[in-house]
C-alpha atoms as a PDB file:
ATOM      1  CA  UNK A   1      29.973 -41.574  14.776  1.00  0.00           C
ATOM      2  CA  UNK A   2      31.295 -39.221  12.090  1.00  0.00           C
ATOM      3  CA  UNK A   3      30.430 -35.524  12.173  1.00  0.00           C
ATOM      4  CA  UNK A   4      28.610 -35.796   8.835  1.00  0.00           C
ATOM      5  CA  UNK A   5      26.222 -38.427  10.185  1.00  0.00           C
ATOM      6  CA  UNK A   6      25.431 -36.512  13.369  1.00  0.00           C
ATOM      7  CA  UNK A   7      21.701 -35.757  13.633  1.00  0.00           C
ATOM      8  CA  UNK A   8      20.864 -32.071  13.275  1.00  0.00           C
ATOM      9  CA  UNK A   9      19.058 -30.407  16.215  1.00  0.00           C
ATOM     10  CA  UNK A  10      15.304 -29.920  15.903  1.00  0.00           C
ATOM     11  CA  UNK A  11      14.412 -26.335  15.062  1.00  0.00           C
ATOM     12  CA  UNK A  12      11.152 -24.492  15.653  1.00  0.00           C
ATOM     13  CA  UNK A  13       9.822 -20.970  15.832  1.00  0.00           C
ATOM     14  CA  UNK A  14       7.105 -18.445  15.119  1.00  0.00           C
ATOM     15  CA  UNK A  15       7.203 -16.429  11.892  1.00  0.00           C
ATOM     16  CA  UNK A  16       5.027 -13.427  10.959  1.00  0.00           C
ATOM     17  CA  UNK A  17       3.983 -12.749   7.374  1.00  0.00           C
ATOM     18  CA  UNK A  18       3.521  -9.003   7.022  1.00  0.00           C
ATOM     19  CA  UNK A  19       2.762  -6.730   4.096  1.00  0.00           C
ATOM     20  CA  UNK A  20       0.306  -4.374   2.453  1.00  0.00           C
ATOM     21  CA  UNK A  21      -3.223  -5.611   1.711  1.00  0.00           C
ATOM     22  CA  UNK A  22      -3.617  -7.923  -1.278  1.00  0.00           C
ATOM     23  CA  UNK A  23       0.060  -8.861  -1.777  1.00  0.00           C
ATOM     24  CA  UNK A  24      -0.687 -12.592  -1.436  1.00  0.00           C
ATOM     25  CA  UNK A  25      -0.149 -13.382   2.249  1.00  0.00           C
ATOM     26  CA  UNK A  26      -3.020 -15.845   2.496  1.00  0.00           C
ATOM     27  CA  UNK A  27      -2.082 -17.500  -0.802  1.00  0.00           C
ATOM     28  CA  UNK A  28       1.477 -17.974   0.483  1.00  0.00           C
ATOM     29  CA  UNK A  29       0.474 -19.469   3.824  1.00  0.00           C
ATOM     30  CA  UNK A  30      -1.902 -21.926   2.133  1.00  0.00           C
ATOM     31  CA  UNK A  31       0.870 -22.938  -0.292  1.00  0.00           C
ATOM     32  CA  UNK A  32       3.408 -23.453   2.512  1.00  0.00           C
ATOM     33  CA  UNK A  33       1.017 -25.428   4.698  1.00  0.00           C
ATOM     34  CA  UNK A  34      -0.335 -27.432   1.771  1.00  0.00           C
ATOM     35  CA  UNK A  35      -3.933 -26.912   2.860  1.00  0.00           C
ATOM     36  CA  UNK A  36      -6.443 -24.083   2.791  1.00  0.00           C
ATOM     37  CA  UNK A  37      -6.613 -22.434   6.213  1.00  0.00           C
ATOM     38  CA  UNK A  38      -6.564 -18.749   5.205  1.00  0.00           C
ATOM     39  CA  UNK A  39      -9.232 -17.318   2.925  1.00  0.00           C
ATOM     40  CA  UNK A  40      -8.267 -15.695  -0.343  1.00  0.00           C
ATOM     41  CA  UNK A  41      -9.839 -12.879  -2.344  1.00  0.00           C
ATOM     42  CA  UNK A  42      -8.808 -10.238  -4.856  1.00  0.00           C
ATOM     43  CA  UNK A  43     -10.272  -7.641  -2.482  1.00  0.00           C
ATOM     44  CA  UNK A  44      -7.886  -5.957  -0.009  1.00  0.00           C
ATOM     45  CA  UNK A  45      -8.083  -6.527   3.759  1.00  0.00           C
ATOM     46  CA  UNK A  46      -9.500 -10.017   3.382  1.00  0.00           C
ATOM     47  CA  UNK A  47      -7.598 -11.314   6.426  1.00  0.00           C
ATOM     48  CA  UNK A  48      -8.845  -9.778   9.676  1.00  0.00           C
ATOM     49  CA  UNK A  49      -7.334 -12.003  12.372  1.00  0.00           C
ATOM     50  CA  UNK A  50      -3.883 -13.490  12.758  1.00  0.00           C
ATOM     51  CA  UNK A  51      -4.086 -16.949  11.180  1.00  0.00           C
ATOM     52  CA  UNK A  52      -1.783 -19.503  12.763  1.00  0.00           C
ATOM     53  CA  UNK A  53      -0.582 -22.075  10.204  1.00  0.00           C
ATOM     54  CA  UNK A  54       1.727 -24.926  11.166  1.00  0.00           C
ATOM     55  CA  UNK A  55       4.393 -26.365   8.843  1.00  0.00           C
ATOM     56  CA  UNK A  56       6.063 -29.524  10.178  1.00  0.00           C
ATOM     57  CA  UNK A  57       8.893 -31.734   8.895  1.00  0.00           C
ATOM     58  CA  UNK A  58      11.090 -34.372  10.559  1.00  0.00           C
ATOM     59  CA  UNK A  59      13.628 -31.649  11.383  1.00  0.00           C
ATOM     60  CA  UNK A  60      11.620 -28.522  12.088  1.00  0.00           C
ATOM     61  CA  UNK A  61       8.284 -26.877  12.832  1.00  0.00           C
ATOM     62  CA  UNK A  62       7.357 -23.343  11.735  1.00  0.00           C
ATOM     63  CA  UNK A  63       4.257 -21.645  13.110  1.00  0.00           C
ATOM     64  CA  UNK A  64       3.189 -18.940  10.650  1.00  0.00           C
ATOM     65  CA  UNK A  65       1.103 -15.909  11.555  1.00  0.00           C
ATOM     66  CA  UNK A  66      -0.708 -14.512   8.504  1.00  0.00           C
ATOM     67  CA  UNK A  67      -1.408 -10.961   9.643  1.00  0.00           C
ATOM     68  CA  UNK A  68      -4.007  -8.500   8.312  1.00  0.00           C
ATOM     69  CA  UNK A  69      -2.662  -6.148   5.664  1.00  0.00           C
ATOM     70  CA  UNK A  70      -1.358  -2.878   7.129  1.00  0.00           C
ATOM     71  CA  UNK A  71      -3.384   0.043   5.766  1.00  0.00           C
ATOM     72  CA  UNK A  72      -4.838   3.440   6.692  1.00  0.00           C
ATOM     73  CA  UNK A  73      -7.762   2.539   8.992  1.00  0.00           C
ATOM     74  CA  UNK A  74     -11.218   4.062   8.499  1.00  0.00           C
ATOM     75  CA  UNK A  75     -12.987   2.451  11.490  1.00  0.00           C
ATOM     76  CA  UNK A  76     -12.279   0.578  14.731  1.00  0.00           C
ATOM     77  CA  UNK A  77     -12.037  -2.717  12.852  1.00  0.00           C
ATOM     78  CA  UNK A  78      -9.246  -1.176  10.757  1.00  0.00           C
ATOM     79  CA  UNK A  79      -7.473  -0.048  13.953  1.00  0.00           C
ATOM     80  CA  UNK A  80      -7.727  -3.599  15.295  1.00  0.00           C
ATOM     81  CA  UNK A  81      -6.291  -5.055  12.095  1.00  0.00           C
ATOM     82  CA  UNK A  82      -3.290  -2.709  12.116  1.00  0.00           C
ATOM     83  CA  UNK A  83      -2.585  -3.301  15.826  1.00  0.00           C
ATOM     84  CA  UNK A  84      -2.834  -7.032  15.241  1.00  0.00           C
ATOM     85  CA  UNK A  85      -0.318  -6.938  12.377  1.00  0.00           C
ATOM     86  CA  UNK A  86       2.253  -4.591  13.951  1.00  0.00           C
ATOM     87  CA  UNK A  87       1.919  -6.183  17.403  1.00  0.00           C
ATOM     88  CA  UNK A  88       2.825  -9.569  15.950  1.00  0.00           C
ATOM     89  CA  UNK A  89       6.369  -8.373  15.174  1.00  0.00           C
ATOM     90  CA  UNK A  90       7.290  -8.412  18.853  1.00  0.00           C
ATOM     91  CA  UNK A  91       6.164 -12.022  19.313  1.00  0.00           C
ATOM     92  CA  UNK A  92       8.095 -13.873  16.608  1.00  0.00           C
ATOM     93  CA  UNK A  93      11.468 -15.398  15.762  1.00  0.00           C
ATOM     94  CA  UNK A  94      11.463 -14.016  12.215  1.00  0.00           C
ATOM     95  CA  UNK A  95       9.333 -11.890   9.895  1.00  0.00           C
ATOM     96  CA  UNK A  96       8.565 -12.327   6.202  1.00  0.00           C
ATOM     97  CA  UNK A  97       7.966  -8.946   4.568  1.00  0.00           C
ATOM     98  CA  UNK A  98       5.881  -9.873   1.535  1.00  0.00           C
ATOM     99  CA  UNK A  99       5.703  -7.430  -1.355  1.00  0.00           C
ATOM    100  CA  UNK A 100       4.001  -7.473  -4.749  1.00  0.00           C
ATOM    101  CA  UNK A 101       6.912  -7.332  -7.209  1.00  0.00           C
ATOM    102  CA  UNK A 102       4.551  -6.406 -10.038  1.00  0.00           C
ATOM    103  CA  UNK A 103       3.501  -3.184  -8.275  1.00  0.00           C
ATOM    104  CA  UNK A 104       6.930  -1.999  -7.121  1.00  0.00           C
ATOM    105  CA  UNK A 105       7.887   0.071  -4.095  1.00  0.00           C
ATOM    106  CA  UNK A 106       5.070   2.196  -2.682  1.00  0.00           C
ATOM    107  CA  UNK A 107       4.222   4.360   0.309  1.00  0.00           C
ATOM    108  CA  UNK A 108       2.636   1.428   2.138  1.00  0.00           C
ATOM    109  CA  UNK A 109       5.869  -0.567   1.856  1.00  0.00           C
ATOM    110  CA  UNK A 110       7.897   2.376   3.180  1.00  0.00           C
ATOM    111  CA  UNK A 111       5.604   2.626   6.218  1.00  0.00           C
ATOM    112  CA  UNK A 112       5.978  -1.092   6.974  1.00  0.00           C
ATOM    113  CA  UNK A 113       9.767  -0.893   6.613  1.00  0.00           C
ATOM    114  CA  UNK A 114       9.799   1.838   9.282  1.00  0.00           C
ATOM    115  CA  UNK A 115       7.963  -0.571  11.617  1.00  0.00           C
ATOM    116  CA  UNK A 116      10.402  -3.360  10.760  1.00  0.00           C
ATOM    117  CA  UNK A 117      13.374  -1.186  11.717  1.00  0.00           C
ATOM    118  CA  UNK A 118      12.132  -1.294  15.320  1.00  0.00           C
ATOM    119  CA  UNK A 119      12.436  -5.091  15.672  1.00  0.00           C
ATOM    120  CA  UNK A 120      15.529  -7.167  16.382  1.00  0.00           C
ATOM    121  CA  UNK A 121      14.345 -10.381  14.715  1.00  0.00           C
ATOM    122  CA  UNK A 122      15.549 -11.442  11.231  1.00  0.00           C
ATOM    123  CA  UNK A 123      13.468  -9.889   8.447  1.00  0.00           C
ATOM    124  CA  UNK A 124      13.250 -11.624   5.053  1.00  0.00           C
ATOM    125  CA  UNK A 125      12.182  -9.686   1.970  1.00  0.00           C
ATOM    126  CA  UNK A 126       9.864 -12.002   0.020  1.00  0.00           C
ATOM    127  CA  UNK A 127       9.178 -10.707  -3.470  1.00  0.00           C
ATOM    128  CA  UNK A 128       5.899 -12.270  -4.564  1.00  0.00           C
ATOM    129  CA  UNK A 129       4.240 -12.440  -7.993  1.00  0.00           C
ATOM    130  CA  UNK A 130       7.533 -12.663  -9.903  1.00  0.00           C
ATOM    131  CA  UNK A 131       5.619 -14.517 -12.620  1.00  0.00           C
ATOM    132  CA  UNK A 132       4.047 -11.159 -13.515  1.00  0.00           C
ATOM    133  CA  UNK A 133       7.293  -9.286 -14.262  1.00  0.00           C
ATOM    134  CA  UNK A 134      10.262  -9.673 -16.609  1.00  0.00           C
ATOM    135  CA  UNK A 135      13.312 -11.206 -14.869  1.00  0.00           C
ATOM    136  CA  UNK A 136      15.422  -8.153 -15.788  1.00  0.00           C
ATOM    137  CA  UNK A 137      13.148  -5.958 -13.642  1.00  0.00           C
ATOM    138  CA  UNK A 138      13.915  -7.923 -10.481  1.00  0.00           C
ATOM    139  CA  UNK A 139      17.476  -6.814  -9.630  1.00  0.00           C
ATOM    140  CA  UNK A 140      16.764  -3.044  -9.792  1.00  0.00           C
ATOM    141  CA  UNK A 141      13.684  -3.595  -7.608  1.00  0.00           C
ATOM    142  CA  UNK A 142      15.705  -5.572  -5.042  1.00  0.00           C
ATOM    143  CA  UNK A 143      18.254  -2.730  -4.955  1.00  0.00           C
ATOM    144  CA  UNK A 144      15.479  -0.207  -4.203  1.00  0.00           C
ATOM    145  CA  UNK A 145      14.285  -2.149  -1.163  1.00  0.00           C
ATOM    146  CA  UNK A 146      17.793  -2.894   0.113  1.00  0.00           C
ATOM    147  CA  UNK A 147      18.525   0.835   0.191  1.00  0.00           C
ATOM    148  CA  UNK A 148      15.772   1.202   2.789  1.00  0.00           C
ATOM    149  CA  UNK A 149      16.561  -1.743   5.069  1.00  0.00           C
ATOM    150  CA  UNK A 150      19.182  -4.418   5.652  1.00  0.00           C
ATOM    151  CA  UNK A 151      17.203  -7.605   5.060  1.00  0.00           C
ATOM    152  CA  UNK A 152      18.464 -10.965   6.302  1.00  0.00           C
ATOM    153  CA  UNK A 153      17.688 -12.640   2.956  1.00  0.00           C
ATOM    154  CA  UNK A 154      15.886 -11.649  -0.252  1.00  0.00           C
ATOM    155  CA  UNK A 155      13.836 -14.450  -1.848  1.00  0.00           C
ATOM    156  CA  UNK A 156      11.741 -14.006  -5.043  1.00  0.00           C
ATOM    157  CA  UNK A 157       8.700 -16.309  -5.247  1.00  0.00           C
ATOM    158  CA  UNK A 158       5.336 -16.889  -6.871  1.00  0.00           C
ATOM    159  CA  UNK A 159       2.961 -18.033  -4.126  1.00  0.00           C
ATOM    160  CA  UNK A 160       0.196 -18.709  -6.635  1.00  0.00           C
ATOM    161  CA  UNK A 161       2.334 -21.001  -8.803  1.00  0.00           C
ATOM    162  CA  UNK A 162       4.473 -22.365  -5.958  1.00  0.00           C
ATOM    163  CA  UNK A 163       7.723 -21.137  -7.527  1.00  0.00           C
ATOM    164  CA  UNK A 164      10.622 -21.040  -5.043  1.00  0.00           C
ATOM    165  CA  UNK A 165       8.312 -21.565  -2.029  1.00  0.00           C
ATOM    166  CA  UNK A 166      10.155 -24.719  -0.914  1.00  0.00           C
ATOM    167  CA  UNK A 167      13.440 -22.793  -1.132  1.00  0.00           C
ATOM    168  CA  UNK A 168      11.917 -20.139   1.123  1.00  0.00           C
ATOM    169  CA  UNK A 169      10.964 -22.798   3.687  1.00  0.00           C
ATOM    170  CA  UNK A 170      14.417 -24.400   3.578  1.00  0.00           C
ATOM    171  CA  UNK A 171      16.221 -21.068   4.039  1.00  0.00           C
ATOM    172  CA  UNK A 172      13.872 -19.962   6.811  1.00  0.00           C
ATOM    173  CA  UNK A 173      14.378 -23.205   8.725  1.00  0.00           C
ATOM    174  CA  UNK A 174      18.128 -22.564   8.934  1.00  0.00           C
ATOM    175  CA  UNK A 175      17.501 -19.338  10.854  1.00  0.00           C
ATOM    176  CA  UNK A 176      15.149 -20.840  13.440  1.00  0.00           C
ATOM    177  CA  UNK A 177      16.426 -21.505  16.975  1.00  0.00           C
ATOM    178  CA  UNK A 178      16.639 -25.004  18.395  1.00  0.00           C
ATOM    179  CA  UNK A 179      13.313 -25.782  20.006  1.00  0.00           C
ATOM    180  CA  UNK A 180      10.472 -28.237  20.603  1.00  0.00           C
ATOM    181  CA  UNK A 181       7.672 -29.389  18.328  1.00  0.00           C
ATOM    182  CA  UNK A 182       4.817 -27.191  19.558  1.00  0.00           C
ATOM    183  CA  UNK A 183       1.994 -28.934  17.700  1.00  0.00           C
ATOM    184  CA  UNK A 184       1.302 -32.514  16.569  1.00  0.00           C
ATOM    185  CA  UNK A 185       2.768 -33.278  13.125  1.00  0.00           C
ATOM    186  CA  UNK A 186      -0.680 -33.576  11.497  1.00  0.00           C
ATOM    187  CA  UNK A 187      -2.042 -30.273  12.864  1.00  0.00           C
ATOM    188  CA  UNK A 188      -2.052 -27.416  10.326  1.00  0.00           C
ATOM    189  CA  UNK A 189      -3.648 -24.612  12.370  1.00  0.00           C
ATOM    190  CA  UNK A 190      -4.357 -23.765  15.997  1.00  0.00           C
ATOM    191  CA  UNK A 191      -7.657 -22.085  15.159  1.00  0.00           C
ATOM    192  CA  UNK A 192     -10.784 -24.056  16.080  1.00  0.00           C
ATOM    193  CA  UNK A 193     -12.746 -25.576  13.218  1.00  0.00           C
ATOM    194  CA  UNK A 194     -15.574 -23.102  13.850  1.00  0.00           C
ATOM    195  CA  UNK A 195     -13.255 -20.175  13.059  1.00  0.00           C
ATOM    196  CA  UNK A 196     -12.039 -21.703   9.788  1.00  0.00           C
ATOM    197  CA  UNK A 197     -15.595 -22.614   8.743  1.00  0.00           C
ATOM    198  CA  UNK A 198     -16.740 -19.019   9.382  1.00  0.00           C
ATOM    199  CA  UNK A 199     -13.842 -17.722   7.302  1.00  0.00           C
ATOM    200  CA  UNK A 200     -14.691 -20.079   4.424  1.00  0.00           C
ATOM    201  CA  UNK A 201     -18.268 -18.776   4.398  1.00  0.00           C
ATOM    202  CA  UNK A 202     -17.004 -15.175   4.414  1.00  0.00           C
ATOM    203  CA  UNK A 203     -14.656 -15.964   1.536  1.00  0.00           C
ATOM    204  CA  UNK A 204     -17.559 -17.052  -0.678  1.00  0.00           C
ATOM    205  CA  UNK A 205     -19.417 -13.815   0.062  1.00  0.00           C
ATOM    206  CA  UNK A 206     -16.288 -11.846  -0.857  1.00  0.00           C
ATOM    207  CA  UNK A 207     -16.163 -13.637  -4.214  1.00  0.00           C
ATOM    208  CA  UNK A 208     -19.852 -13.178  -4.988  1.00  0.00           C
ATOM    209  CA  UNK A 209     -20.466  -9.564  -3.881  1.00  0.00           C
ATOM    210  CA  UNK A 210     -18.885  -6.220  -4.716  1.00  0.00           C
ATOM    211  CA  UNK A 211     -18.562  -2.546  -3.753  1.00  0.00           C
ATOM    212  CA  UNK A 212     -19.124  -1.864  -0.048  1.00  0.00           C
ATOM    213  CA  UNK A 213     -20.697  -5.211   0.830  1.00  0.00           C
ATOM    214  CA  UNK A 214     -17.599  -7.441   1.300  1.00  0.00           C
ATOM    215  CA  UNK A 215     -16.046  -5.269   4.028  1.00  0.00           C
ATOM    216  CA  UNK A 216     -19.368  -4.984   5.889  1.00  0.00           C
ATOM    217  CA  UNK A 217     -19.598  -8.753   6.387  1.00  0.00           C
ATOM    218  CA  UNK A 218     -18.887 -10.770   9.510  1.00  0.00           C
ATOM    219  CA  UNK A 219     -19.720 -14.448  10.034  1.00  0.00           C
ATOM    220  CA  UNK A 220     -20.349 -16.176  13.356  1.00  0.00           C
ATOM    221  CA  UNK A 221     -20.874 -19.921  13.832  1.00  0.00           C
ATOM    222  CA  UNK A 222     -23.670 -20.261  16.382  1.00  0.00           C
ATOM    223  CA  UNK A 223     -24.109 -24.039  16.290  1.00  0.00           C
ATOM    224  CA  UNK A 224     -21.817 -26.846  15.174  1.00  0.00           C
ATOM    225  CA  UNK A 225     -22.405 -30.496  16.072  1.00  0.00           C
ATOM    226  CA  UNK A 226     -22.231 -34.012  14.664  1.00  0.00           C
ATOM    227  CA  UNK A 227     -25.675 -35.554  14.172  1.00  0.00           C
ATOM    228  CA  UNK A 228     -26.515 -39.231  14.676  1.00  0.00           C
ATOM    229  CA  UNK A 229     -26.072 -39.985  10.964  1.00  0.00           C
ATOM    230  CA  UNK A 230     -22.498 -38.587  11.070  1.00  0.00           C
ATOM    231  CA  UNK A 231     -23.352 -35.371   9.207  1.00  0.00           C
ATOM    232  CA  UNK A 232     -21.868 -32.199  10.719  1.00  0.00           C
ATOM    233  CA  UNK A 233     -24.593 -29.595  11.246  1.00  0.00           C
ATOM    234  CA  UNK A 234     -23.407 -25.980  11.082  1.00  0.00           C
ATOM    235  CA  UNK A 235     -25.628 -22.988  11.806  1.00  0.00           C
ATOM    236  CA  UNK A 236     -24.028 -19.661  10.873  1.00  0.00           C
ATOM    237  CA  UNK A 237     -25.130 -16.026  11.020  1.00  0.00           C
ATOM    238  CA  UNK A 238     -23.906 -13.543   8.419  1.00  0.00           C
ATOM    239  CA  UNK A 239     -23.878 -10.004   9.839  1.00  0.00           C
ATOM    240  CA  UNK A 240     -24.183  -6.917   7.645  1.00  0.00           C
ATOM    241  CA  UNK A 241     -24.399  -3.227   8.560  1.00  0.00           C
ATOM    242  CA  UNK A 242     -27.460  -2.102   6.579  1.00  0.00           C
ATOM    243  CA  UNK A 243     -30.811  -3.484   5.398  1.00  0.00           C
ATOM    244  CA  UNK A 244     -29.820  -2.887   1.760  1.00  0.00           C
ATOM    245  CA  UNK A 245     -26.747  -5.118   2.247  1.00  0.00           C
ATOM    246  CA  UNK A 246     -28.948  -7.850   3.702  1.00  0.00           C
ATOM    247  CA  UNK A 247     -30.973  -7.898   0.495  1.00  0.00           C
ATOM    248  CA  UNK A 248     -27.828  -8.119  -1.625  1.00  0.00           C
ATOM    249  CA  UNK A 249     -26.388 -11.029   0.375  1.00  0.00           C
ATOM    250  CA  UNK A 250     -29.659 -12.970   0.244  1.00  0.00           C
ATOM    251  CA  UNK A 251     -30.129 -12.225  -3.469  1.00  0.00           C
ATOM    252  CA  UNK A 252     -33.206 -12.578  -5.647  1.00  0.00           C
ATOM    253  CA  UNK A 253     -35.358 -15.396  -4.236  1.00  0.00           C
ATOM    254  CA  UNK A 254     -32.397 -16.353  -2.000  1.00  0.00           C
ATOM    255  CA  UNK A 255     -30.195 -17.260  -4.986  1.00  0.00           C
ATOM    256  CA  UNK A 256     -26.943 -15.648  -3.785  1.00  0.00           C
ATOM    257  CA  UNK A 257     -27.226 -17.053  -0.265  1.00  0.00           C
ATOM    258  CA  UNK A 258     -27.829 -20.536  -1.704  1.00  0.00           C
ATOM    259  CA  UNK A 259     -24.705 -20.196  -3.867  1.00  0.00           C
ATOM    260  CA  UNK A 260     -22.683 -19.088  -0.825  1.00  0.00           C
ATOM    261  CA  UNK A 261     -23.895 -22.149   1.066  1.00  0.00           C
ATOM    262  CA  UNK A 262     -23.133 -24.539  -1.802  1.00  0.00           C
ATOM    263  CA  UNK A 263     -19.580 -23.258  -2.337  1.00  0.00           C
ATOM    264  CA  UNK A 264     -18.773 -22.986   1.372  1.00  0.00           C
ATOM    265  CA  UNK A 265     -20.080 -26.478   2.119  1.00  0.00           C
ATOM    266  CA  UNK A 266     -17.742 -27.937  -0.506  1.00  0.00           C
ATOM    267  CA  UNK A 267     -14.669 -26.419   1.204  1.00  0.00           C
ATOM    268  CA  UNK A 268     -15.959 -27.208   4.697  1.00  0.00           C
ATOM    269  CA  UNK A 269     -16.378 -30.885   3.809  1.00  0.00           C
ATOM    270  CA  UNK A 270     -12.781 -30.967   2.512  1.00  0.00           C
ATOM    271  CA  UNK A 271     -11.636 -29.377   5.783  1.00  0.00           C
ATOM    272  CA  UNK A 272     -13.633 -31.688   8.062  1.00  0.00           C
ATOM    273  CA  UNK A 273     -13.389 -34.838   5.972  1.00  0.00           C
ATOM    274  CA  UNK A 274     -17.104 -35.538   6.406  1.00  0.00           C
ATOM    275  CA  UNK A 275     -20.514 -34.586   5.010  1.00  0.00           C
ATOM    276  CA  UNK A 276     -22.030 -31.373   6.323  1.00  0.00           C
ATOM    277  CA  UNK A 277     -25.352 -29.532   6.450  1.00  0.00           C
ATOM    278  CA  UNK A 278     -24.956 -25.756   6.396  1.00  0.00           C
ATOM    279  CA  UNK A 279     -27.754 -23.412   7.477  1.00  0.00           C
ATOM    280  CA  UNK A 280     -27.238 -19.661   6.968  1.00  0.00           C
ATOM    281  CA  UNK A 281     -29.065 -16.603   8.296  1.00  0.00           C
ATOM    282  CA  UNK A 282     -28.433 -12.935   7.469  1.00  0.00           C
ATOM    283  CA  UNK A 283     -28.867 -10.330  10.213  1.00  0.00           C
ATOM    284  CA  UNK A 284     -28.333  -6.566  10.337  1.00  0.00           C
ATOM    285  CA  UNK A 285     -26.033  -5.223  13.066  1.00  0.00           C
ATOM    286  CA  UNK A 286     -25.817  -1.468  12.462  1.00  0.00           C
ATOM    287  CA  UNK A 287     -22.279  -0.081  12.041  1.00  0.00           C
ATOM    288  CA  UNK A 288     -20.752  -3.138  13.751  1.00  0.00           C
ATOM    289  CA  UNK A 289     -17.203  -2.304  12.617  1.00  0.00           C
ATOM    290  CA  UNK A 290     -17.162   0.734  14.950  1.00  0.00           C
ATOM    291  CA  UNK A 291     -18.538  -0.977  18.075  1.00  0.00           C
ATOM    292  CA  UNK A 292     -15.814  -2.352  20.351  1.00  0.00           C
ATOM    293  CA  UNK A 293     -18.188  -4.702  22.208  1.00  0.00           C
ATOM    294  CA  UNK A 294     -19.495  -6.161  18.939  1.00  0.00           C
ATOM    295  CA  UNK A 295     -15.955  -6.564  17.586  1.00  0.00           C
ATOM    296  CA  UNK A 296     -14.979  -8.533  20.697  1.00  0.00           C
ATOM    297  CA  UNK A 297     -18.135 -10.661  20.474  1.00  0.00           C
ATOM    298  CA  UNK A 298     -17.194 -11.505  16.868  1.00  0.00           C
ATOM    299  CA  UNK A 299     -13.687 -12.573  17.896  1.00  0.00           C
ATOM    300  CA  UNK A 300     -11.660  -9.477  17.056  1.00  0.00           C
ATOM    301  CA  UNK A 301      -9.381  -9.322  20.087  1.00  0.00           C
ATOM    302  CA  UNK A 302      -5.790  -8.209  20.549  1.00  0.00           C
ATOM    303  CA  UNK A 303      -5.290 -10.071  23.820  1.00  0.00           C
END
């Protein structure tokens, strides 16, 4: 057999996506996976847990970890999110440092670069939102970042429009070690369906509310089962921190909560591939973001 026809070894690995809040990490992971598994919002700190997304081809498998945006924490939930993001760097084969090219180099990026200097794994500088800047602005910006760290590769992309995302995947694959296929080819996340459904509900609340409400929201799936008629029944509780927030989430005559349910059910049915019945309750859990026991009960764990 000629050398050119020799089959390439199978490659696999774990890759962290790290960056400041709201630079497009969830948008990128959904684009790479080809399916919505991470919720998206124009509000910062949307992602709270590490989302594991699985990209599989005939030659490789990449398990992506979409980490919470690194930021200055104001409560125990913020501490958890930062620990989750930074701690991921020690667990992976490569890291994608995602930046918003339209905003330029900032203090948050400098802080993350200092964390990246401590790791031995390849670090790729991924310059997102290039559709928002003039091409002539790109090279000077790249030079600024390269002065601060020696990146393995620099790849400009637009996660929202899909520009250059396939190139990113192809380049990344070349750096992965030889390894097994960790997950079945048709599996796109290792999170249980309940987790993704809760996140989809939270996403709709993020879109429909404003000010302090979005960050005071947590969603827990308390019941999920397939009924005799094949419909998936889902009972979910939306937790808020104050009585006034409960009123906002429910809305006048329950209008906002109904809209949340309608929009979330649409995405949930796409995820599950079957009809669903979604029942939502809103409960007050005072100052839950500062209670370690409550955070653990809601799934915020670093173990």
